[in-house]
Protein backbone atom coordinates (compact mmCIF):
# COMPACT_ATOMS: atom_id res chain seq x y z
CA UNK A 1 -4.82 -32.27 120.48
CA UNK A 2 -6.69 -35.55 120.36
CA UNK A 3 -8.31 -34.72 117.03
CA UNK A 4 -8.99 -31.64 114.95
CA UNK A 5 -12.23 -30.51 116.58
CA UNK A 6 -11.21 -31.58 120.06
CA UNK A 7 -10.27 -28.09 121.24
CA UNK A 8 -13.55 -26.48 120.24
CA UNK A 9 -15.55 -29.52 121.25
CA UNK A 10 -13.91 -29.81 124.66
CA UNK A 11 -14.75 -26.20 125.36
CA UNK A 12 -18.30 -26.83 124.23
CA UNK A 13 -18.51 -29.97 126.36
CA UNK A 14 -17.39 -28.10 129.45
CA UNK A 15 -20.07 -25.51 128.87
CA UNK A 16 -22.71 -28.09 127.93
CA UNK A 17 -22.43 -30.28 131.00
CA UNK A 18 -23.60 -27.72 133.53
CA UNK A 19 -26.05 -25.77 131.44
CA UNK A 20 -29.76 -25.69 132.10
CA UNK A 21 -32.85 -23.72 131.21
CA UNK A 22 -36.59 -23.89 131.66
CA UNK A 23 -37.34 -23.07 128.03
CA UNK A 24 -35.83 -23.40 124.58
CA UNK A 25 -33.95 -20.36 123.34
CA UNK A 26 -33.06 -19.81 119.68
CA UNK A 27 -29.65 -21.19 118.67
CA UNK A 28 -26.59 -18.97 119.05
CA UNK A 29 -23.62 -19.12 116.71
CA UNK A 30 -19.88 -18.87 117.34
CA UNK A 31 -17.39 -17.16 115.04
CA UNK A 32 -15.81 -18.95 112.12
CA UNK A 33 -12.17 -19.40 113.11
CA UNK A 34 -10.44 -19.25 109.67
CA UNK A 35 -6.92 -20.60 109.09
CA UNK A 36 -5.16 -22.67 111.73
CA UNK A 37 -1.86 -24.43 112.38
CA UNK A 38 -1.69 -27.13 115.05
CA UNK A 39 1.29 -29.12 116.27
CA UNK A 40 0.60 -32.65 117.52
CA UNK A 41 3.57 -33.80 119.62
CA UNK A 42 4.92 -37.33 119.25
CA UNK A 43 3.48 -38.19 122.69
CA UNK A 44 -0.05 -37.65 121.30
CA UNK A 45 0.37 -39.33 117.91
CA UNK A 46 1.05 -42.94 116.91
CA UNK A 47 2.97 -41.64 113.86
CA UNK A 48 5.35 -39.31 115.66
CA UNK A 49 5.03 -35.53 115.63
CA UNK A 50 2.58 -34.02 113.12
CA UNK A 51 1.86 -30.53 111.82
CA UNK A 52 -1.77 -29.89 110.84
CA UNK A 53 -2.40 -26.77 108.73
CA UNK A 54 -5.80 -25.90 107.40
CA UNK A 55 -8.76 -23.73 106.78
CA UNK A 56 -11.66 -23.92 109.19
CA UNK A 57 -14.94 -22.42 108.09
CA UNK A 58 -17.08 -24.38 110.49
CA UNK A 59 -19.83 -22.80 112.50
CA UNK A 60 -20.36 -23.65 116.15
CA UNK A 61 -24.02 -23.53 117.15
CA UNK A 62 -25.38 -23.87 120.70
CA UNK A 63 -28.89 -25.26 121.18
CA UNK A 64 -30.76 -24.79 124.46
CA UNK A 65 -33.38 -27.53 124.51
CA UNK A 66 -36.70 -27.34 126.27
CA UNK A 67 -35.44 -29.99 128.70
CA UNK A 68 -32.56 -27.82 129.90
CA UNK A 69 -29.73 -29.62 128.10
CA UNK A 70 -27.34 -27.51 126.10
CA UNK A 71 -26.21 -29.15 122.89
CA UNK A 72 -23.60 -27.89 120.47
CA UNK A 73 -23.08 -28.57 116.80
CA UNK A 74 -20.06 -27.98 114.59
CA UNK A 75 -20.54 -27.99 110.84
CA UNK A 76 -19.20 -26.40 107.69
CA UNK A 77 -16.17 -26.81 105.44
CA UNK A 78 -12.86 -27.61 107.10
CA UNK A 79 -9.74 -28.86 105.31
CA UNK A 80 -6.29 -29.77 106.54
CA UNK A 81 -2.86 -30.75 105.34
CA UNK A 82 -1.29 -33.22 107.75
CA UNK A 83 2.51 -33.41 107.57
CA UNK A 84 4.75 -35.91 109.33
CA UNK A 85 7.71 -34.24 111.03
CA UNK A 86 9.48 -37.63 110.85
CA UNK A 87 9.20 -38.27 107.07
CA UNK A 88 8.17 -34.90 105.62
CA UNK A 89 5.28 -36.63 103.79
CA UNK A 90 1.89 -34.93 103.82
CA UNK A 91 -1.71 -35.57 102.88
CA UNK A 92 -4.60 -33.17 102.18
CA UNK A 93 -7.87 -34.01 103.94
CA UNK A 94 -11.45 -32.79 104.13
CA UNK A 95 -12.30 -32.93 107.86
CA UNK A 96 -15.65 -31.18 107.87
CA UNK A 97 -17.53 -33.47 110.21
CA UNK A 98 -20.27 -32.57 111.26
CA UNK A 99 -19.96 -32.92 115.02
CA UNK A 100 -22.46 -32.67 117.88
CA UNK A 101 -21.41 -32.47 121.50
CA UNK A 102 -24.09 -33.87 123.77
CA UNK A 103 -24.83 -32.58 127.26
CA UNK A 104 -22.99 -35.57 128.78
CA UNK A 105 -19.79 -34.71 126.86
CA UNK A 106 -20.11 -37.43 124.20
CA UNK A 107 -19.17 -36.49 120.63
CA UNK A 108 -21.49 -37.79 117.91
CA UNK A 109 -21.25 -37.21 114.19
CA UNK A 110 -20.37 -38.44 110.80
CA UNK A 111 -17.08 -38.16 109.02
CA UNK A 112 -14.88 -37.13 107.63
CA UNK A 113 -12.83 -36.61 110.80
CA UNK A 114 -9.13 -36.67 111.60
CA UNK A 115 -8.60 -38.50 114.90
CA UNK A 116 -5.16 -38.56 116.52
CA UNK A 117 -4.23 -40.42 119.70
CA UNK A 118 -1.07 -42.01 121.10
CA UNK A 119 -2.46 -45.35 119.83
CA UNK A 120 -3.63 -44.43 116.32
CA UNK A 121 -4.00 -41.68 113.73
CA UNK A 122 -6.95 -42.25 111.42
CA UNK A 123 -9.04 -40.53 108.79
CA UNK A 124 -12.58 -41.66 109.58
CA UNK A 125 -15.76 -41.52 107.49
CA UNK A 126 -19.16 -42.76 108.56
CA UNK A 127 -20.91 -42.75 111.91
CA UNK A 128 -18.55 -41.70 114.70
CA UNK A 129 -19.15 -41.88 118.45
CA UNK A 130 -16.60 -40.67 121.02
CA UNK A 131 -17.71 -41.37 124.61
CA UNK A 132 -16.91 -38.46 126.91
CA UNK A 133 -14.91 -36.79 124.13
CA UNK A 134 -12.02 -39.26 124.70
CA UNK A 135 -10.60 -39.98 121.23
CA UNK A 136 -8.92 -43.13 122.57
CA UNK A 137 -12.43 -44.62 122.85
CA UNK A 138 -13.61 -43.52 119.37
CA UNK A 139 -16.00 -45.92 117.66
CA UNK A 140 -16.26 -45.68 113.86
CA UNK A 141 -19.01 -47.43 111.91
CA UNK A 142 -17.87 -46.93 108.34
CA UNK A 143 -14.34 -46.65 107.03
CA UNK A 144 -11.13 -45.51 108.58
CA UNK A 145 -7.69 -45.18 107.04
CA UNK A 146 -4.53 -45.61 109.09
CA UNK A 147 -2.65 -42.40 108.27
CA UNK A 148 0.60 -43.67 109.81
CA UNK A 149 0.98 -45.98 106.81
CA UNK A 150 0.53 -43.01 104.46
CA UNK A 151 2.67 -40.54 106.38
CA UNK A 152 5.59 -42.63 107.66
CA UNK A 153 5.28 -45.92 105.78
């Protein structure tokens, strides 16, 4: 898991890339997923293994534009408790986004987001751009907090 919304967004991106239409259809909505527990292995986190537990009340919306590009948006309330398996320390976060997945697979949005990669684990707020959905390339214009300092010291 590269970051909290990566699973849903990657699925959306895969759908979005090949979609096309001659007209604009009304938006369609996905189900609200509810509670979740995710395990981030040490190989995917700069802080060692993490457990992310939370409540996800986001709504996934697909937009079919008049130019044939399928866009997706993720918005709503999502919270998480991130716990370090190494130290046992945890932090509660609001990770509601929102997030848009563009037809080319780029993620665009504003924080707050939780972004985990082998190189960093951050809590980001502000304008966020992730080319091709690759969290290793995430660009944050705003603030980001290194969660490794909080979770493992």
